[in-house]
Amino acid sequence: MTGTEKLDAFIRNSKGVITSKIAADHGIHREYLSEFVRQGKLERIAHGIYITPDV
């Protein structure tokens, strides 16, 4: 499973909220979080805290 797939799956199971710490704990590099923000799949609402646009 790629980092992108891991992040997609984690977001689905976490009700659209993820932190950079939790991502790192699950082996998801923070660059994937940045990529998802650029693609509009996540919004950074505070330092290290991300949500999906529909939350």
Protein backbone atom coordinates (compact mmCIF):
# COMPACT_ATOMS: atom_id res chain seq x y z
CA MET A 1 0.00 0.00 0.00
CA THR A 2 1.41 3.40 -0.98
CA GLY A 3 1.51 6.43 1.30
CA THR A 4 -1.32 7.98 -0.67
CA GLU A 5 -3.46 4.86 -0.25
CA LYS A 6 -2.63 4.70 3.48
CA LEU A 7 -3.62 8.34 3.94
CA ASP A 8 -6.86 7.90 1.95
CA ALA A 9 -7.81 4.89 4.06
CA PHE A 10 -6.91 6.57 7.33
CA ILE A 11 -8.94 9.68 6.50
CA ARG A 12 -11.99 7.56 5.66
CA ASN A 13 -11.71 5.75 8.99
CA SER A 14 -10.99 8.85 11.10
CA LYS A 15 -14.08 10.85 10.14
CA GLY A 16 -12.01 13.29 8.08
CA VAL A 17 -9.59 14.49 10.76
CA ILE A 18 -5.87 13.69 10.98
CA THR A 19 -2.83 15.15 12.70
CA SER A 20 0.72 15.04 11.43
CA LYS A 21 1.71 13.11 14.58
CA ILE A 22 -0.90 10.41 13.99
CA ALA A 23 0.08 10.21 10.32
CA ALA A 24 3.74 9.74 11.26
CA ASP A 25 2.81 7.10 13.85
CA HIS A 26 1.11 5.17 11.03
CA GLY A 27 4.07 5.47 8.65
CA ILE A 28 2.58 8.24 6.52
CA HIS A 29 5.18 10.88 5.61
CA ARG A 30 4.10 14.49 6.12
CA GLU A 31 4.77 15.18 2.43
CA TYR A 32 1.59 13.21 1.66
CA LEU A 33 -0.35 15.59 3.91
CA SER A 34 1.07 18.55 1.98
CA GLU A 35 0.20 16.90 -1.33
CA PHE A 36 -3.38 16.31 -0.20
CA VAL A 37 -3.64 19.99 0.81
CA ARG A 38 -2.39 21.05 -2.65
CA GLN A 39 -4.97 18.74 -4.27
CA GLY A 40 -7.80 20.10 -2.11
CA LYS A 41 -8.38 16.77 -0.36
CA LEU A 42 -7.34 18.20 3.03
CA GLU A 43 -7.35 21.63 4.67
CA ARG A 44 -4.77 22.63 7.25
CA ILE A 45 -6.72 24.26 10.08
CA ALA A 46 -3.85 24.61 12.58
CA HIS A 47 -0.25 23.55 12.97
CA GLY A 48 -0.27 19.78 12.41
CA ILE A 49 -4.07 19.45 12.21
CA TYR A 50 -5.85 18.63 8.96
CA ILE A 51 -9.47 18.04 8.00
CA THR A 52 -11.30 17.07 4.84
CA PRO A 53 -13.27 19.90 3.20
CA ASP A 54 -16.59 18.22 4.06
CA VAL A 55 -16.01 18.12 7.84
